[in-house]
Amino acid sequence: MVFLNLVLRSICSKEKTKVPRRPEPAHDIIQELPPKLTPTLPTSSIPPVSITTTPSITNI
């Protein structure tokens, strides 16, 4: 996520020279979304996946 933010910042910094009004609000929205989604996805999706793969392997 840090690398994505750096890439987005570099893109937005380039776009600011052309259109200063659009990249700023869009960049703020992008910053707000990942922190809310990332903590939810890893904690909820990773444990079930590891639990479901283990029984399926033992059943086979």
Protein backbone atom coordinates (compact mmCIF):
# COMPACT_ATOMS: atom_id res chain seq x y z
CA MET A 1 0.00 0.00 0.00
CA VAL A 2 2.89 2.36 0.69
CA PHE A 3 4.21 1.86 -2.83
CA LEU A 4 0.75 2.48 -4.29
CA ASN A 5 0.45 5.70 -2.32
CA LEU A 6 3.85 6.84 -3.59
CA VAL A 7 2.83 6.06 -7.17
CA LEU A 8 -0.48 7.87 -6.73
CA ARG A 9 1.31 10.86 -5.24
CA SER A 10 3.72 11.03 -8.16
CA ILE A 11 0.82 10.79 -10.62
CA CYS A 12 -1.18 13.41 -8.76
CA SER A 13 1.82 15.73 -8.52
CA LYS A 14 2.17 15.52 -12.30
CA GLU A 15 -1.55 16.11 -12.82
CA LYS A 16 -1.59 19.08 -10.44
CA THR A 17 0.43 21.06 -12.96
CA LYS A 18 -2.26 20.45 -15.59
CA VAL A 19 -5.48 20.30 -13.55
CA PRO A 20 -4.93 21.44 -9.95
CA ARG A 21 -8.56 21.06 -8.85
CA ARG A 22 -9.28 17.41 -9.65
CA PRO A 23 -6.27 15.46 -8.28
CA GLU A 24 -6.48 16.97 -4.80
CA PRO A 25 -10.02 15.80 -3.85
CA ALA A 26 -9.52 12.49 -5.66
CA HIS A 27 -6.25 11.95 -3.79
CA ASP A 28 -7.99 12.67 -0.47
CA ILE A 29 -10.67 10.08 -1.25
CA ILE A 30 -8.00 7.53 -2.21
CA GLN A 31 -6.21 8.11 1.10
CA GLU A 32 -9.44 7.67 3.08
CA LEU A 33 -10.51 4.40 1.48
CA PRO A 34 -7.45 2.10 1.82
CA PRO A 35 -7.04 2.53 5.61
CA LYS A 36 -10.68 1.49 6.12
CA LEU A 37 -10.56 -1.44 3.69
CA THR A 38 -7.09 -2.84 4.37
CA PRO A 39 -7.53 -3.61 8.08
CA THR A 40 -10.88 -5.31 7.34
CA LEU A 41 -9.69 -7.50 4.48
CA PRO A 42 -6.50 -9.06 5.90
CA THR A 43 -8.01 -9.90 9.30
CA SER A 44 -11.27 -11.31 7.95
CA SER A 45 -10.16 -13.00 4.72
CA ILE A 46 -6.77 -14.52 5.56
CA PRO A 47 -7.74 -16.69 8.59
CA PRO A 48 -10.81 -18.28 6.88
CA VAL A 49 -8.71 -19.09 3.80
CA SER A 50 -6.04 -20.84 5.85
CA ILE A 51 -8.69 -22.72 7.86
CA THR A 52 -10.64 -23.85 4.79
CA THR A 53 -7.56 -25.02 2.88
CA THR A 54 -6.32 -27.20 5.74
CA PRO A 55 -9.50 -29.36 6.10
CA SER A 56 -9.79 -29.71 2.32
CA ILE A 57 -6.23 -31.04 2.14
CA THR A 58 -6.82 -33.51 5.00
CA ASN A 59 -10.11 -34.67 3.45
CA ILE A 60 -8.42 -35.43 0.14
